[in-house]
Amino acid sequence: MDADERTTLESWLDFYRTTLALKCDGLTEQQLREASAPPSTLTLLGLVRHLAAVERFWFRRVLVQEDAPTLFSSDPDASSANSGFDLDESATYEDARRIWQAEIEHARKNCASRALEDTGVYRGGPVTLRWIYTHMTAEYARHCGQADLIRERIDGSTGV
């Protein structure tokens, strides 16, 4: 609780990444596909896929301007905002988790040599790594809250 700014930002993001993984641990493929509550179609599997797309978008496409294709859309200009939530029969947790973990590793590599003040480009303007870390922590926190509720509905499990 007394780390420098960068360590604090990275640690909170990693905390929420780990929290999402824990929310999925021990569930069957079918349980990972269970929707939160009608009419919502939000699932734990969809959240993992979505956050893989979000990691790719911010840490590869925005921060380093990499021409990384979208993950779960055939539209090359698709944002990460709604990507990954829609599941077809071929979507599996094993694949989603592998892709998500690979995107986290790309993110770590892309951030390692950059200062918090370094910028990427978003919607034609500069965005700092500091802002991206903060945004990603908020993104994960929101989705981990949803994951808490989904997991509790599936098997009654609560907490981290």
Protein backbone atom coordinates (compact mmCIF):
# COMPACT_ATOMS: atom_id res chain seq x y z
CA MET A 1 0.00 0.00 0.00
CA ASP A 2 3.02 2.29 -0.19
CA ALA A 3 4.41 1.35 -3.62
CA ASP A 4 5.33 3.83 -6.31
CA GLU A 5 2.67 4.88 -8.82
CA ARG A 6 3.59 2.45 -11.58
CA THR A 7 3.76 -0.55 -9.28
CA THR A 8 0.41 0.46 -7.79
CA LEU A 9 -1.25 0.76 -11.21
CA GLU A 10 0.18 -2.53 -12.47
CA SER A 11 -0.68 -4.34 -9.23
CA TRP A 12 -4.32 -3.25 -9.24
CA LEU A 13 -4.70 -4.32 -12.86
CA ASP A 14 -3.11 -7.70 -12.07
CA PHE A 15 -5.35 -8.07 -9.02
CA TYR A 16 -8.46 -7.76 -11.18
CA ARG A 17 -7.05 -10.02 -13.89
CA THR A 18 -6.51 -12.68 -11.22
CA THR A 19 -9.95 -12.06 -9.74
CA LEU A 20 -11.64 -12.76 -13.08
CA ALA A 21 -9.66 -15.99 -13.46
CA LEU A 22 -10.71 -17.07 -9.95
CA LYS A 23 -14.37 -16.42 -10.77
CA CYS A 24 -14.06 -18.95 -13.60
CA ASP A 25 -12.06 -21.60 -11.75
CA GLY A 26 -13.71 -24.94 -11.15
CA LEU A 27 -16.68 -24.41 -13.46
CA THR A 28 -17.73 -26.60 -16.35
CA GLU A 29 -17.89 -25.35 -19.91
CA GLN A 30 -21.69 -25.23 -19.61
CA GLN A 31 -21.55 -23.20 -16.40
CA LEU A 32 -19.14 -20.74 -18.00
CA ARG A 33 -21.80 -20.23 -20.71
CA GLU A 34 -24.66 -19.64 -18.26
CA ALA A 35 -26.21 -16.21 -18.68
CA SER A 36 -26.42 -13.88 -15.72
CA ALA A 37 -30.20 -13.33 -15.77
CA PRO A 38 -32.72 -12.88 -18.58
CA PRO A 39 -32.85 -10.89 -20.75
CA SER A 40 -29.07 -10.46 -20.40
CA THR A 41 -26.84 -12.91 -22.28
CA LEU A 42 -23.75 -11.94 -20.25
CA THR A 43 -21.61 -14.99 -19.33
CA LEU A 44 -18.27 -15.62 -17.66
CA LEU A 45 -16.94 -17.00 -20.94
CA GLY A 46 -18.10 -13.85 -22.71
CA LEU A 47 -16.36 -11.70 -20.09
CA VAL A 48 -13.04 -13.51 -20.58
CA ARG A 49 -13.31 -13.15 -24.36
CA HIS A 50 -14.28 -9.50 -24.03
CA LEU A 51 -11.37 -8.68 -21.76
CA ALA A 52 -8.95 -10.40 -24.15
CA ALA A 53 -10.26 -8.07 -26.87
CA VAL A 54 -9.97 -5.06 -24.55
CA GLU A 55 -6.36 -5.96 -23.65
CA ARG A 56 -5.52 -6.22 -27.35
CA PHE A 57 -7.26 -2.98 -28.20
CA TRP A 58 -5.62 -0.76 -25.56
CA PHE A 59 -2.16 -2.27 -25.22
CA ARG A 60 -1.54 -3.24 -28.83
CA ARG A 61 -3.76 -1.22 -31.15
CA VAL A 62 -3.80 2.03 -29.14
CA LEU A 63 -0.56 2.09 -27.11
CA VAL A 64 1.86 0.81 -29.74
CA GLN A 65 -0.29 1.33 -32.85
CA GLU A 66 0.11 -2.31 -33.81
CA ASP A 67 -2.07 -3.49 -36.67
CA ALA A 68 -3.39 -6.39 -34.61
CA PRO A 69 -6.60 -7.81 -36.05
CA THR A 70 -9.73 -7.82 -33.93
CA LEU A 71 -10.21 -11.04 -32.00
CA PHE A 72 -13.88 -11.87 -32.14
CA SER A 73 -15.19 -9.87 -35.06
CA SER A 74 -14.60 -9.98 -38.79
CA ASP A 75 -14.84 -6.17 -38.85
CA PRO A 76 -11.25 -4.83 -38.79
CA ASP A 77 -12.49 -1.47 -37.48
CA ALA A 78 -14.52 -2.95 -34.64
CA SER A 79 -13.80 -1.46 -31.25
CA SER A 80 -13.38 -3.65 -28.23
CA ALA A 81 -16.50 -2.20 -26.59
CA ASN A 82 -18.81 -5.11 -27.36
CA SER A 83 -16.35 -7.65 -28.69
CA GLY A 84 -16.33 -11.18 -27.32
CA PHE A 85 -19.69 -11.24 -25.58
CA ASP A 86 -21.56 -13.08 -28.31
CA LEU A 87 -20.81 -16.80 -28.19
CA ASP A 88 -21.17 -19.33 -30.94
CA GLU A 89 -20.90 -23.10 -30.51
CA SER A 90 -17.17 -23.10 -31.29
CA ALA A 91 -16.28 -20.71 -28.43
CA THR A 92 -14.54 -22.53 -25.57
CA TYR A 93 -13.12 -21.41 -22.27
CA GLU A 94 -9.81 -23.13 -23.01
CA ASP A 95 -9.39 -21.07 -26.18
CA ALA A 96 -10.63 -17.87 -24.56
CA ARG A 97 -8.32 -18.23 -21.56
CA ARG A 98 -5.32 -19.00 -23.80
CA ILE A 99 -6.02 -15.93 -25.96
CA TRP A 100 -6.66 -13.75 -22.90
CA GLN A 101 -3.40 -14.81 -21.22
CA ALA A 102 -1.47 -14.22 -24.47
CA GLU A 103 -2.92 -10.71 -24.68
CA ILE A 104 -1.92 -10.02 -21.07
CA GLU A 105 1.64 -11.09 -21.91
CA HIS A 106 1.65 -8.81 -24.96
CA ALA A 107 0.41 -5.99 -22.75
CA ARG A 108 3.18 -6.53 -20.21
CA LYS A 109 5.84 -6.58 -22.95
CA ASN A 110 4.46 -3.47 -24.61
CA CYS A 111 4.40 -1.58 -21.32
CA ALA A 112 7.74 -2.71 -19.90
CA SER A 113 9.92 -0.18 -21.73
CA ARG A 114 7.44 2.70 -21.62
CA ALA A 115 7.02 5.44 -19.05
CA LEU A 116 3.60 6.29 -17.66
CA GLU A 117 3.76 9.54 -19.63
CA ASP A 118 4.37 7.77 -22.96
CA THR A 119 1.44 8.00 -25.31
CA GLY A 120 -0.48 5.99 -27.81
CA VAL A 121 -3.16 7.33 -30.12
CA TYR A 122 -6.89 7.01 -29.51
CA ARG A 123 -9.46 8.64 -31.77
CA GLY A 124 -6.76 10.83 -33.25
CA GLY A 125 -5.42 12.14 -29.96
CA PRO A 126 -2.75 11.16 -27.46
CA VAL A 127 -3.52 8.87 -24.54
CA THR A 128 -0.94 8.13 -21.84
CA LEU A 129 -0.01 4.73 -20.54
CA ARG A 130 -1.08 6.04 -17.11
CA TRP A 131 -4.59 6.70 -18.47
CA ILE A 132 -4.71 3.27 -20.13
CA TYR A 133 -3.73 1.54 -16.88
CA THR A 134 -6.40 3.49 -15.00
CA HIS A 135 -9.03 2.78 -17.63
CA MET A 136 -8.17 -0.92 -17.73
CA THR A 137 -8.43 -1.19 -13.95
CA ALA A 138 -11.89 0.40 -14.08
CA GLU A 139 -12.88 -1.91 -16.96
CA TYR A 140 -11.82 -5.01 -15.05
CA ALA A 141 -13.36 -3.83 -11.78
CA ARG A 142 -16.73 -3.32 -13.48
CA HIS A 143 -16.60 -6.72 -15.15
CA CYS A 144 -15.36 -8.49 -12.01
CA GLY A 145 -18.43 -7.14 -10.22
CA GLN A 146 -20.57 -8.70 -12.94
CA ALA A 147 -18.56 -11.92 -12.65
CA ASP A 148 -19.24 -11.98 -8.88
CA LEU A 149 -22.97 -11.95 -9.50
CA ILE A 150 -22.83 -14.52 -12.30
CA ARG A 151 -20.71 -16.89 -10.21
CA GLU A 152 -23.00 -16.54 -7.21
CA ARG A 153 -25.99 -17.35 -9.41
CA ILE A 154 -24.25 -20.45 -10.81
CA ASP A 155 -23.10 -22.12 -7.60
CA GLY A 156 -23.51 -19.74 -4.68
CA SER A 157 -19.79 -18.93 -4.51
CA THR A 158 -19.01 -15.40 -3.33
CA GLY A 159 -15.86 -13.45 -2.58
CA VAL A 160 -12.49 -13.53 -4.31
